[in-house]
Amino acid sequence: MRAKTIPHVEYEIFQHILDEIDISMVKEKMVVEPRIDKAEERFDKGAESAAQLIQNMMDRRRHKLPFDHPDFKEKEA
């Protein structure tokens, strides 16, 4: 689909980040001794929070997507 608006491009980039970017290398670097269990818990919570932030940005752009986009949603009043 052709890039029709800037929010459309932003939405597609965010979707690509969520679907395609592998953060396992980041996790490998950050989850280390001395407390691996606690570091992994923090990493998992941080990754979940970051994903939710990206999802929120996507949700705020859904009403600006082209009408024929499968994720288009009317803005709620």
N, C-alpha and C. Protein backbone atom coordinates (compact mmCIF):
# COMPACT_ATOMS: atom_id res chain seq x y z
N MET A 1 0.85 -1.18 0.00
CA MET A 1 0.00 0.00 0.00
C MET A 1 0.90 1.24 0.00
N ARG A 2 0.55 2.20 -0.81
CA ARG A 2 1.28 3.45 -0.93
C ARG A 2 1.15 4.27 0.35
N ALA A 3 2.22 4.98 0.71
CA ALA A 3 2.19 5.87 1.87
C ALA A 3 1.27 7.04 1.55
N LYS A 4 0.14 7.13 2.24
CA LYS A 4 -0.84 8.16 1.91
C LYS A 4 -0.78 9.38 2.83
N THR A 5 -0.34 9.17 4.08
CA THR A 5 -0.20 10.28 5.03
C THR A 5 0.99 9.99 5.94
N ILE A 6 1.47 11.01 6.62
CA ILE A 6 2.57 10.79 7.57
C ILE A 6 2.12 9.86 8.71
N PRO A 7 0.92 10.05 9.29
CA PRO A 7 0.49 9.11 10.33
C PRO A 7 0.39 7.67 9.81
N HIS A 8 0.05 7.50 8.54
CA HIS A 8 -0.01 6.17 7.94
C HIS A 8 1.38 5.54 7.96
N VAL A 9 2.39 6.30 7.57
CA VAL A 9 3.76 5.80 7.58
C VAL A 9 4.20 5.48 9.01
N GLU A 10 3.91 6.39 9.94
CA GLU A 10 4.27 6.15 11.34
C GLU A 10 3.64 4.85 11.84
N TYR A 11 2.37 4.67 11.54
CA TYR A 11 1.66 3.47 11.98
C TYR A 11 2.35 2.21 11.45
N GLU A 12 2.67 2.20 10.17
CA GLU A 12 3.30 1.03 9.56
C GLU A 12 4.70 0.77 10.14
N ILE A 13 5.44 1.83 10.45
CA ILE A 13 6.76 1.66 11.08
C ILE A 13 6.60 1.05 12.47
N PHE A 14 5.66 1.57 13.26
CA PHE A 14 5.42 1.01 14.59
C PHE A 14 5.02 -0.46 14.50
N GLN A 15 4.16 -0.77 13.53
CA GLN A 15 3.74 -2.17 13.36
C GLN A 15 4.93 -3.06 13.03
N HIS A 16 5.80 -2.56 12.17
CA HIS A 16 7.00 -3.32 11.80
C HIS A 16 7.90 -3.54 13.03
N ILE A 17 8.04 -2.52 13.85
CA ILE A 17 8.86 -2.65 15.06
C ILE A 17 8.30 -3.74 15.95
N LEU A 18 7.00 -3.73 16.18
CA LEU A 18 6.40 -4.74 17.05
C LEU A 18 6.48 -6.15 16.45
N ASP A 19 6.32 -6.26 15.14
CA ASP A 19 6.26 -7.58 14.50
C ASP A 19 7.62 -8.17 14.18
N GLU A 20 8.59 -7.33 13.85
CA GLU A 20 9.83 -7.84 13.26
C GLU A 20 11.10 -7.65 14.08
N ILE A 21 11.13 -6.69 14.97
CA ILE A 21 12.37 -6.41 15.69
C ILE A 21 12.55 -7.42 16.82
N ASP A 22 13.70 -8.11 16.78
CA ASP A 22 14.04 -9.11 17.79
C ASP A 22 14.88 -8.44 18.87
N ILE A 23 14.38 -8.45 20.10
CA ILE A 23 15.09 -7.78 21.19
C ILE A 23 15.90 -8.78 22.03
N SER A 24 16.06 -9.99 21.57
CA SER A 24 16.78 -10.99 22.35
C SER A 24 18.23 -10.61 22.59
N MET A 25 18.86 -9.93 21.63
CA MET A 25 20.25 -9.50 21.83
C MET A 25 20.34 -8.45 22.93
N VAL A 26 19.36 -7.58 22.99
CA VAL A 26 19.34 -6.57 24.05
C VAL A 26 19.17 -7.26 25.40
N LYS A 27 18.27 -8.25 25.43
CA LYS A 27 18.03 -9.00 26.66
C LYS A 27 19.30 -9.71 27.11
N GLU A 28 20.02 -10.30 26.17
CA GLU A 28 21.27 -10.99 26.48
C GLU A 28 22.27 -10.06 27.16
N LYS A 29 22.35 -8.83 26.68
CA LYS A 29 23.30 -7.85 27.23
C LYS A 29 22.87 -7.32 28.60
N MET A 30 21.56 -7.28 28.83
CA MET A 30 21.07 -6.64 30.05
C MET A 30 20.79 -7.61 31.19
N VAL A 31 20.50 -8.86 30.86
CA VAL A 31 20.19 -9.85 31.89
C VAL A 31 21.47 -10.62 32.21
N VAL A 32 22.19 -10.11 33.21
CA VAL A 32 23.49 -10.69 33.59
C VAL A 32 23.59 -10.82 35.11
N GLU A 33 24.66 -11.45 35.54
CA GLU A 33 24.94 -11.61 36.97
C GLU A 33 25.01 -10.23 37.62
N PRO A 34 24.82 -10.07 38.88
CA PRO A 34 24.73 -11.13 39.87
C PRO A 34 23.31 -11.65 40.08
N ARG A 35 22.28 -10.90 39.74
CA ARG A 35 20.90 -11.35 40.02
C ARG A 35 20.16 -11.51 38.71
N ILE A 36 20.43 -12.60 38.02
CA ILE A 36 19.83 -12.84 36.70
C ILE A 36 18.31 -12.86 36.77
N ASP A 37 17.78 -13.51 37.80
CA ASP A 37 16.32 -13.62 37.90
C ASP A 37 15.66 -12.24 38.02
N LYS A 38 16.23 -11.37 38.84
CA LYS A 38 15.65 -10.03 39.02
C LYS A 38 15.85 -9.19 37.75
N ALA A 39 17.03 -9.31 37.13
CA ALA A 39 17.29 -8.56 35.90
C ALA A 39 16.34 -9.01 34.79
N GLU A 40 16.06 -10.30 34.71
CA GLU A 40 15.14 -10.80 33.68
C GLU A 40 13.72 -10.31 33.93
N GLU A 41 13.33 -10.29 35.19
CA GLU A 41 12.00 -9.77 35.54
C GLU A 41 11.88 -8.30 35.13
N ARG A 42 12.90 -7.50 35.43
CA ARG A 42 12.89 -6.08 35.05
C ARG A 42 12.85 -5.92 33.54
N PHE A 43 13.67 -6.72 32.85
CA PHE A 43 13.72 -6.61 31.40
C PHE A 43 12.35 -6.94 30.81
N ASP A 44 11.76 -8.03 31.25
CA ASP A 44 10.45 -8.43 30.71
C ASP A 44 9.39 -7.37 30.94
N LYS A 45 9.39 -6.78 32.13
CA LYS A 45 8.42 -5.71 32.43
C LYS A 45 8.69 -4.48 31.56
N GLY A 46 9.98 -4.14 31.38
CA GLY A 46 10.33 -3.00 30.55
C GLY A 46 9.96 -3.22 29.09
N ALA A 47 10.19 -4.43 28.60
CA ALA A 47 9.85 -4.75 27.21
C ALA A 47 8.34 -4.69 27.00
N GLU A 48 7.60 -5.20 27.97
CA GLU A 48 6.13 -5.15 27.88
C GLU A 48 5.64 -3.70 27.90
N SER A 49 6.25 -2.88 28.74
CA SER A 49 5.88 -1.47 28.83
C SER A 49 6.19 -0.74 27.52
N ALA A 50 7.37 -1.01 26.95
CA ALA A 50 7.74 -0.38 25.68
C ALA A 50 6.78 -0.78 24.56
N ALA A 51 6.42 -2.06 24.52
CA ALA A 51 5.47 -2.54 23.51
C ALA A 51 4.12 -1.85 23.67
N GLN A 52 3.70 -1.64 24.92
CA GLN A 52 2.43 -0.97 25.17
C GLN A 52 2.48 0.49 24.74
N LEU A 53 3.62 1.15 24.95
CA LEU A 53 3.77 2.54 24.50
C LEU A 53 3.65 2.63 22.98
N ILE A 54 4.29 1.71 22.29
CA ILE A 54 4.20 1.69 20.82
C ILE A 54 2.77 1.41 20.38
N GLN A 55 2.11 0.47 21.05
CA GLN A 55 0.72 0.15 20.71
C GLN A 55 -0.17 1.37 20.93
N ASN A 56 0.06 2.12 22.00
CA ASN A 56 -0.72 3.34 22.26
C ASN A 56 -0.53 4.36 21.14
N MET A 57 0.72 4.51 20.68
CA MET A 57 0.97 5.44 19.57
C MET A 57 0.24 4.98 18.31
N MET A 58 0.21 3.68 18.09
CA MET A 58 -0.52 3.15 16.92
C MET A 58 -2.01 3.42 17.05
N ASP A 59 -2.55 3.18 18.24
CA ASP A 59 -3.99 3.38 18.46
C ASP A 59 -4.40 4.83 18.21
N ARG A 60 -3.51 5.78 18.56
CA ARG A 60 -3.82 7.21 18.36
C ARG A 60 -3.78 7.61 16.89
N ARG A 61 -3.27 6.74 16.04
CA ARG A 61 -3.19 7.05 14.61
C ARG A 61 -4.20 6.27 13.76
N ARG A 62 -4.93 5.37 14.36
CA ARG A 62 -5.84 4.50 13.58
C ARG A 62 -6.90 5.29 12.82
N HIS A 63 -7.42 6.36 13.40
CA HIS A 63 -8.45 7.14 12.72
C HIS A 63 -7.88 7.98 11.58
N LYS A 64 -6.53 8.09 11.51
CA LYS A 64 -5.88 8.86 10.44
C LYS A 64 -5.41 7.97 9.30
N LEU A 65 -5.62 6.66 9.44
CA LEU A 65 -5.23 5.74 8.37
C LEU A 65 -6.16 5.90 7.17
N PRO A 66 -5.72 5.49 5.99
CA PRO A 66 -6.62 5.52 4.83
C PRO A 66 -7.87 4.67 5.12
N PHE A 67 -9.00 5.09 4.61
CA PHE A 67 -10.26 4.40 4.87
C PHE A 67 -10.21 2.94 4.47
N ASP A 68 -9.43 2.61 3.45
CA ASP A 68 -9.38 1.22 2.99
C ASP A 68 -8.33 0.38 3.72
N HIS A 69 -7.66 0.95 4.70
CA HIS A 69 -6.66 0.21 5.48
C HIS A 69 -7.40 -0.76 6.41
N PRO A 70 -6.92 -2.00 6.55
CA PRO A 70 -7.62 -2.98 7.39
C PRO A 70 -7.71 -2.58 8.87
N ASP A 71 -6.81 -1.72 9.34
CA ASP A 71 -6.83 -1.31 10.74
C ASP A 71 -7.49 0.04 10.98
N PHE A 72 -8.05 0.64 9.93
CA PHE A 72 -8.72 1.93 10.08
C PHE A 72 -9.86 1.80 11.08
N LYS A 73 -9.99 2.83 11.92
CA LYS A 73 -11.09 2.88 12.89
C LYS A 73 -11.54 4.32 13.02
N GLU A 74 -12.85 4.53 12.97
CA GLU A 74 -13.41 5.88 13.13
C GLU A 74 -13.01 6.45 14.48
N LYS A 75 -12.78 7.77 14.51
CA LYS A 75 -12.45 8.44 15.77
C LYS A 75 -13.70 8.50 16.63
N GLU A 76 -13.51 8.14 17.90
CA GLU A 76 -14.64 8.16 18.83
C GLU A 76 -14.86 9.58 19.33
N ALA A 77 -16.11 9.96 19.45
CA ALA A 77 -16.46 11.33 19.87
C ALA A 77 -16.30 11.53 21.35
